[in-house]
């Protein structure tokens, strides 16, 4: 389960790491997420908050439940945190505005 880091209404999300054939993918099941404010969007990330050298990895914008492949070469044991942030339009780096966060469950 992803825990709210700030009030997000009734929004909840669960995430699972699954193997599909020879690839790993992340299955996100989001509930009751309000639409992002105009000019902003939600983005799904893999993070390692304990590391100063491991940059966050964007898994792309999201609007609700989704399944996304893990990029080749990404070791989920090095990025064991899933994060949903609120991003400004066109922003490519993590905004620092995390809404929901939790650990991967394989």
Protein backbone atom coordinates (compact mmCIF):
# COMPACT_ATOMS: atom_id res chain seq x y z
CA UNK A 1 0.00 0.00 0.00
CA UNK A 2 1.08 3.54 -0.72
CA UNK A 3 0.68 5.82 2.29
CA UNK A 4 -0.42 9.44 1.96
CA UNK A 5 2.35 11.93 2.69
CA UNK A 6 -0.16 14.78 2.81
CA UNK A 7 -3.95 14.95 2.73
CA UNK A 8 -5.15 13.52 -0.61
CA UNK A 9 -8.86 13.16 0.10
CA UNK A 10 -9.87 9.51 -0.02
CA UNK A 11 -7.15 8.52 -2.51
CA UNK A 12 -5.49 5.17 -1.94
CA UNK A 13 -3.18 3.01 -4.05
CA UNK A 14 -1.59 -0.42 -3.97
CA UNK A 15 1.36 -1.51 -6.07
CA UNK A 16 2.83 -4.87 -7.02
CA UNK A 17 5.97 -5.84 -8.87
CA UNK A 18 5.21 -8.76 -11.20
CA UNK A 19 7.15 -10.76 -13.76
CA UNK A 20 5.49 -11.00 -17.17
CA UNK A 21 7.45 -13.39 -19.38
CA UNK A 22 11.05 -12.10 -19.11
CA UNK A 23 10.15 -8.58 -17.99
CA UNK A 24 9.25 -6.93 -14.71
CA UNK A 25 6.33 -4.58 -14.55
CA UNK A 26 4.65 -2.47 -11.93
CA UNK A 27 0.91 -2.85 -11.42
CA UNK A 28 -0.62 0.18 -9.71
CA UNK A 29 -4.20 0.00 -8.47
CA UNK A 30 -5.33 3.55 -7.59
CA UNK A 31 -8.68 4.46 -6.04
CA UNK A 32 -10.49 7.78 -5.62
CA UNK A 33 -7.71 9.97 -6.99
CA UNK A 34 -9.09 13.37 -7.90
CA UNK A 35 -8.03 14.81 -11.22
CA UNK A 36 -4.76 16.73 -11.01
CA UNK A 37 -5.13 20.52 -10.94
CA UNK A 38 -5.02 22.27 -14.30
CA UNK A 39 -1.47 22.58 -15.63
CA UNK A 40 -0.25 19.70 -13.44
CA UNK A 41 -0.24 15.91 -13.57
CA UNK A 42 0.53 12.90 -11.40
CA UNK A 43 3.77 11.04 -12.09
CA UNK A 44 4.81 7.55 -10.99
CA UNK A 45 8.41 7.09 -9.74
CA UNK A 46 10.85 4.57 -8.36
CA UNK A 47 13.01 6.04 -5.60
CA UNK A 48 15.70 5.11 -3.15
CA UNK A 49 15.34 7.77 -0.44
CA UNK A 50 18.32 6.36 1.47
CA UNK A 51 20.72 6.99 -1.44
CA UNK A 52 22.19 10.34 -2.38
CA UNK A 53 23.47 8.97 -5.70
CA UNK A 54 20.44 7.05 -7.03
CA UNK A 55 18.36 9.49 -9.06
CA UNK A 56 14.58 8.97 -9.07
CA UNK A 57 13.34 7.03 -12.11
CA UNK A 58 10.15 8.27 -13.76
CA UNK A 59 7.76 5.57 -14.91
CA UNK A 60 5.61 8.19 -16.59
CA UNK A 61 2.50 10.29 -16.04
CA UNK A 62 -0.56 8.58 -14.61
CA UNK A 63 -4.25 9.33 -14.26
CA UNK A 64 -5.28 6.27 -12.24
CA UNK A 65 -4.64 2.54 -12.20
CA UNK A 66 -1.94 1.49 -14.64
CA UNK A 67 0.59 -1.19 -15.52
CA UNK A 68 4.03 -0.03 -16.62
CA UNK A 69 7.18 -1.97 -17.54
CA UNK A 70 10.30 -1.38 -15.49
CA UNK A 71 12.99 0.14 -17.70
CA UNK A 72 15.71 -2.29 -18.77
CA UNK A 73 18.64 -2.33 -16.37
CA UNK A 74 16.64 -1.11 -13.37
CA UNK A 75 17.14 -3.34 -10.33
CA UNK A 76 14.03 -3.05 -8.13
CA UNK A 77 16.10 -3.99 -5.09
CA UNK A 78 17.95 -0.69 -5.55
CA UNK A 79 14.75 1.34 -6.01
CA UNK A 80 12.36 -0.22 -3.56
CA UNK A 81 10.05 2.77 -3.06
CA UNK A 82 7.15 3.72 -5.32
CA UNK A 83 6.14 7.37 -5.26
CA UNK A 84 3.31 9.37 -6.83
CA UNK A 85 4.15 13.05 -7.18
CA UNK A 86 2.33 16.12 -8.39
CA UNK A 87 4.26 17.64 -11.29
CA UNK A 88 3.98 20.88 -13.26
CA UNK A 89 3.34 20.50 -16.98
CA UNK A 90 6.64 19.89 -18.79
CA UNK A 91 8.59 19.17 -15.59
CA UNK A 92 10.89 16.19 -16.08
CA UNK A 93 12.68 15.97 -12.73
CA UNK A 94 10.89 14.92 -9.52
CA UNK A 95 9.02 17.95 -8.19
CA UNK A 96 9.67 17.10 -4.54
CA UNK A 97 5.89 17.18 -4.05
CA UNK A 98 5.16 13.53 -3.19
CA UNK A 99 1.54 12.62 -2.45
CA UNK A 100 1.61 8.84 -1.95
CA UNK A 101 4.57 6.57 -1.22
CA UNK A 102 5.18 2.95 -0.28
CA UNK A 103 7.43 -0.08 -0.67
CA UNK A 104 7.22 -2.56 -3.50
CA UNK A 105 5.56 -5.89 -2.81
CA UNK A 106 6.90 -8.57 -5.14
